[in-house]
Amino acid sequence: MATAAKFRIDVDIHDLLNKPGQQPPVPAAPTGLVLPDPVYPQFPERLNDPGRKVDGFWLPLQDKTVVQVRFYGRKVLTIEHRDYVVKGKNAI
């Protein structure tokens, strides 16, 4: 008595592997899904102040991080940068 196979064979793939002279399988039809629109810019506040130019490089004047914590409330960490020195490519 014949028993059922323990696995299933995809007929299209089986035919493609065993009879390569036949026409190729039809590609899947597009479903019409598209990627969402990117959120640009992610940090619009950075567009207002480009920083300052030092020896041909634009360097930030400050970095600002805002954190909302349930118990402590809203906290803002601001780091102000100044006295930039641009060293040569061989400097460490």
N, C-alpha and C. Protein backbone atom coordinates (compact mmCIF):
# COMPACT_ATOMS: atom_id res chain seq x y z
N MET A 1 0.85 -1.17 0.00
CA MET A 1 0.00 0.00 0.00
C MET A 1 0.90 1.24 0.00
N ALA A 2 0.52 2.22 -0.79
CA ALA A 2 1.30 3.44 -0.89
C ALA A 2 0.98 4.35 0.29
N THR A 3 1.99 5.04 0.79
CA THR A 3 1.78 5.97 1.89
C THR A 3 1.96 7.40 1.38
N ALA A 4 1.36 8.31 2.08
CA ALA A 4 1.47 9.72 1.69
C ALA A 4 2.88 10.22 1.96
N ALA A 5 3.34 11.14 1.12
CA ALA A 5 4.68 11.72 1.29
C ALA A 5 4.71 12.56 2.56
N LYS A 6 5.86 12.60 3.20
CA LYS A 6 6.03 13.38 4.43
C LYS A 6 6.28 14.85 4.12
N PHE A 7 6.44 15.18 2.86
CA PHE A 7 6.66 16.57 2.47
C PHE A 7 5.92 16.82 1.17
N ARG A 8 5.70 18.07 0.85
CA ARG A 8 4.99 18.43 -0.37
C ARG A 8 5.98 19.01 -1.37
N ILE A 9 5.77 18.74 -2.61
CA ILE A 9 6.65 19.25 -3.67
C ILE A 9 5.91 20.36 -4.40
N ASP A 10 6.59 21.48 -4.56
CA ASP A 10 6.03 22.57 -5.36
C ASP A 10 6.14 22.16 -6.82
N VAL A 11 5.01 22.02 -7.47
CA VAL A 11 4.99 21.49 -8.83
C VAL A 11 5.75 22.39 -9.79
N ASP A 12 5.59 23.71 -9.70
CA ASP A 12 6.29 24.61 -10.62
C ASP A 12 7.80 24.49 -10.47
N ILE A 13 8.28 24.44 -9.25
CA ILE A 13 9.73 24.32 -9.03
C ILE A 13 10.22 22.95 -9.48
N HIS A 14 9.44 21.91 -9.23
CA HIS A 14 9.82 20.57 -9.64
C HIS A 14 9.96 20.50 -11.16
N ASP A 15 8.99 21.07 -11.87
CA ASP A 15 9.06 21.08 -13.33
C ASP A 15 10.22 21.91 -13.84
N LEU A 16 10.49 23.03 -13.21
CA LEU A 16 11.61 23.88 -13.63
C LEU A 16 12.94 23.16 -13.47
N LEU A 17 13.10 22.42 -12.36
CA LEU A 17 14.37 21.72 -12.12
C LEU A 17 14.52 20.50 -13.02
N ASN A 18 13.44 19.79 -13.30
CA ASN A 18 13.52 18.56 -14.07
C ASN A 18 13.40 18.79 -15.57
N LYS A 19 12.77 19.87 -16.00
CA LYS A 19 12.58 20.16 -17.41
C LYS A 19 12.99 21.61 -17.68
N PRO A 20 14.28 21.92 -17.68
CA PRO A 20 14.72 23.32 -17.81
C PRO A 20 14.45 23.93 -19.17
N GLY A 21 14.10 23.15 -20.19
CA GLY A 21 13.85 23.68 -21.51
C GLY A 21 12.51 24.39 -21.63
N GLN A 22 11.64 24.24 -20.66
CA GLN A 22 10.32 24.85 -20.72
C GLN A 22 10.42 26.34 -20.43
N GLN A 23 9.31 27.03 -20.62
CA GLN A 23 9.28 28.46 -20.36
C GLN A 23 9.46 28.73 -18.86
N PRO A 24 10.10 29.85 -18.52
CA PRO A 24 10.32 30.16 -17.10
C PRO A 24 9.00 30.46 -16.40
N PRO A 25 8.97 30.30 -15.08
CA PRO A 25 7.74 30.58 -14.35
C PRO A 25 7.38 32.06 -14.42
N VAL A 26 6.12 32.35 -14.31
CA VAL A 26 5.62 33.73 -14.37
C VAL A 26 5.95 34.42 -13.05
N PRO A 27 6.53 35.64 -13.09
CA PRO A 27 6.82 36.33 -11.83
C PRO A 27 5.53 36.70 -11.10
N ALA A 28 5.65 36.88 -9.82
CA ALA A 28 4.50 37.22 -8.99
C ALA A 28 3.94 38.58 -9.39
N ALA A 29 2.64 38.70 -9.31
CA ALA A 29 1.98 39.96 -9.65
C ALA A 29 2.23 40.99 -8.56
N PRO A 30 2.45 42.26 -8.92
CA PRO A 30 2.65 43.29 -7.90
C PRO A 30 1.38 43.46 -7.07
N THR A 31 1.57 43.69 -5.78
CA THR A 31 0.42 43.82 -4.88
C THR A 31 -0.01 45.27 -4.71
N GLY A 32 0.76 46.22 -5.21
CA GLY A 32 0.38 47.63 -5.10
C GLY A 32 0.83 48.28 -3.81
N LEU A 33 1.59 47.58 -3.00
CA LEU A 33 2.08 48.18 -1.76
C LEU A 33 3.27 49.08 -2.06
N VAL A 34 3.36 50.20 -1.37
CA VAL A 34 4.47 51.13 -1.55
C VAL A 34 5.06 51.46 -0.18
N LEU A 35 6.28 51.95 -0.20
CA LEU A 35 6.91 52.38 1.03
C LEU A 35 6.28 53.67 1.53
N PRO A 36 6.23 53.88 2.85
CA PRO A 36 5.66 55.13 3.36
C PRO A 36 6.57 56.31 3.04
N ASP A 37 5.99 57.49 3.03
CA ASP A 37 6.78 58.69 2.80
C ASP A 37 7.74 58.89 3.97
N PRO A 38 9.02 59.20 3.70
CA PRO A 38 9.96 59.40 4.79
C PRO A 38 9.63 60.66 5.57
N VAL A 39 9.93 60.61 6.84
CA VAL A 39 9.75 61.78 7.68
C VAL A 39 11.00 62.63 7.52
N TYR A 40 10.86 63.72 6.75
CA TYR A 40 12.03 64.55 6.50
C TYR A 40 11.68 65.98 6.77
N PRO A 41 12.48 66.69 7.42
CA PRO A 41 13.66 66.24 8.14
C PRO A 41 13.27 65.68 9.50
N GLN A 42 14.05 64.76 10.00
CA GLN A 42 13.77 64.18 11.31
C GLN A 42 14.05 65.18 12.42
N PHE A 43 15.01 66.05 12.22
CA PHE A 43 15.39 67.03 13.23
C PHE A 43 15.30 68.42 12.62
N PRO A 44 14.09 68.99 12.47
CA PRO A 44 13.97 70.28 11.80
C PRO A 44 14.66 71.42 12.55
N GLU A 45 14.85 71.28 13.86
CA GLU A 45 15.50 72.34 14.60
C GLU A 45 16.97 72.51 14.19
N ARG A 46 17.55 71.48 13.61
CA ARG A 46 18.95 71.57 13.17
C ARG A 46 19.09 72.38 11.89
N LEU A 47 18.00 72.60 11.17
CA LEU A 47 18.07 73.37 9.94
C LEU A 47 18.23 74.86 10.21
N ASN A 48 17.80 75.32 11.38
CA ASN A 48 17.85 76.74 11.69
C ASN A 48 19.26 77.24 11.94
N ASP A 49 20.11 76.41 12.54
CA ASP A 49 21.45 76.85 12.91
C ASP A 49 22.47 75.88 12.31
N PRO A 50 23.09 76.23 11.19
CA PRO A 50 24.02 75.31 10.57
C PRO A 50 25.36 75.19 11.31
N GLY A 51 25.60 76.03 12.29
CA GLY A 51 26.87 76.00 13.01
C GLY A 51 27.79 77.06 12.46
N ARG A 52 29.07 76.82 12.58
CA ARG A 52 30.02 77.79 12.02
C ARG A 52 31.07 77.04 11.21
N LYS A 53 31.67 77.77 10.31
CA LYS A 53 32.64 77.16 9.41
C LYS A 53 34.05 77.42 9.95
N VAL A 54 34.79 76.31 10.17
CA VAL A 54 36.16 76.40 10.67
C VAL A 54 37.06 75.63 9.70
N ASP A 55 37.97 76.34 9.08
CA ASP A 55 38.92 75.74 8.12
C ASP A 55 38.22 74.89 7.06
N GLY A 56 37.08 75.36 6.56
CA GLY A 56 36.38 74.64 5.51
C GLY A 56 35.41 73.58 5.99
N PHE A 57 35.27 73.38 7.30
CA PHE A 57 34.36 72.38 7.85
C PHE A 57 33.23 73.07 8.61
N TRP A 58 32.00 72.61 8.41
CA TRP A 58 30.87 73.12 9.19
C TRP A 58 30.80 72.31 10.48
N LEU A 59 30.94 72.98 11.60
CA LEU A 59 30.94 72.32 12.91
C LEU A 59 29.80 72.88 13.75
N PRO A 60 29.12 72.03 14.54
CA PRO A 60 27.98 72.48 15.31
C PRO A 60 28.39 73.39 16.46
N LEU A 61 27.51 74.33 16.78
CA LEU A 61 27.74 75.19 17.93
C LEU A 61 27.28 74.53 19.22
N GLN A 62 26.23 73.68 19.10
CA GLN A 62 25.75 72.99 20.29
C GLN A 62 25.01 71.72 19.89
N ASP A 63 24.94 70.78 20.83
CA ASP A 63 24.14 69.58 20.70
C ASP A 63 23.09 69.62 21.80
N LYS A 64 21.86 69.28 21.43
CA LYS A 64 20.77 69.35 22.40
C LYS A 64 20.01 68.04 22.37
N THR A 65 19.78 67.45 23.55
CA THR A 65 19.01 66.23 23.70
C THR A 65 17.88 66.47 24.68
N VAL A 66 16.66 66.10 24.30
CA VAL A 66 15.50 66.27 25.17
C VAL A 66 14.97 64.90 25.52
N VAL A 67 14.73 64.67 26.83
CA VAL A 67 14.24 63.39 27.31
C VAL A 67 13.00 63.63 28.15
N GLN A 68 11.96 62.84 27.90
CA GLN A 68 10.75 62.92 28.71
C GLN A 68 10.70 61.67 29.59
N VAL A 69 10.83 61.85 30.89
CA VAL A 69 10.83 60.73 31.83
C VAL A 69 9.58 60.85 32.70
N ARG A 70 8.91 59.75 32.94
CA ARG A 70 7.64 59.77 33.66
C ARG A 70 7.78 60.36 35.06
N PHE A 71 8.78 59.96 35.82
CA PHE A 71 8.90 60.41 37.20
C PHE A 71 9.58 61.77 37.34
N TYR A 72 10.51 62.06 36.46
CA TYR A 72 11.31 63.28 36.61
C TYR A 72 10.87 64.40 35.68
N GLY A 73 10.03 64.11 34.72
CA GLY A 73 9.57 65.14 33.81
C GLY A 73 10.49 65.29 32.61
N ARG A 74 10.45 66.47 32.02
CA ARG A 74 11.22 66.74 30.82
C ARG A 74 12.59 67.29 31.19
N LYS A 75 13.63 66.68 30.66
CA LYS A 75 15.00 67.11 30.92
C LYS A 75 15.68 67.44 29.60
N VAL A 76 16.47 68.50 29.60
CA VAL A 76 17.19 68.94 28.41
C VAL A 76 18.68 68.95 28.71
N LEU A 77 19.45 68.26 27.89
CA LEU A 77 20.91 68.27 28.00
C LEU A 77 21.44 69.06 26.82
N THR A 78 22.16 70.13 27.09
CA THR A 78 22.74 70.97 26.04
C THR A 78 24.25 71.00 26.21
N ILE A 79 24.95 70.67 25.13
CA ILE A 79 26.42 70.73 25.13
C ILE A 79 26.81 71.81 24.14
N GLU A 80 27.49 72.84 24.63
CA GLU A 80 27.94 73.93 23.75
C GLU A 80 29.39 73.69 23.37
N HIS A 81 29.66 73.79 22.08
CA HIS A 81 31.01 73.55 21.56
C HIS A 81 31.65 74.90 21.22
N ARG A 82 32.92 75.02 21.54
CA ARG A 82 33.67 76.23 21.18
C ARG A 82 35.15 75.87 21.12
N ASP A 83 35.95 76.78 20.66
CA ASP A 83 37.40 76.60 20.56
C ASP A 83 37.77 75.37 19.72
N TYR A 84 37.15 75.25 18.54
CA TYR A 84 37.50 74.15 17.65
C TYR A 84 38.90 74.33 17.11
N VAL A 85 39.65 73.24 17.00
CA VAL A 85 40.95 73.23 16.36
C VAL A 85 40.95 72.07 15.36
N VAL A 86 41.12 72.38 14.07
CA VAL A 86 41.15 71.36 13.04
C VAL A 86 42.60 70.99 12.81
N LYS A 87 42.91 69.71 13.06
CA LYS A 87 44.29 69.24 12.92
C LYS A 87 44.46 68.58 11.57
N GLY A 88 45.70 68.39 11.17
CA GLY A 88 46.00 67.74 9.89
C GLY A 88 45.64 66.27 9.91
N LYS A 89 45.71 65.63 8.74
CA LYS A 89 45.30 64.23 8.64
C LYS A 89 46.25 63.28 9.39
N ASN A 90 47.48 63.67 9.64
CA ASN A 90 48.43 62.82 10.35
C ASN A 90 48.41 63.03 11.85
N ALA A 91 47.67 64.02 12.33
CA ALA A 91 47.61 64.30 13.77
C ALA A 91 46.70 63.30 14.46
N ILE A 92 47.02 63.02 15.69
CA ILE A 92 46.20 62.10 16.49
C ILE A 92 45.46 62.88 17.54
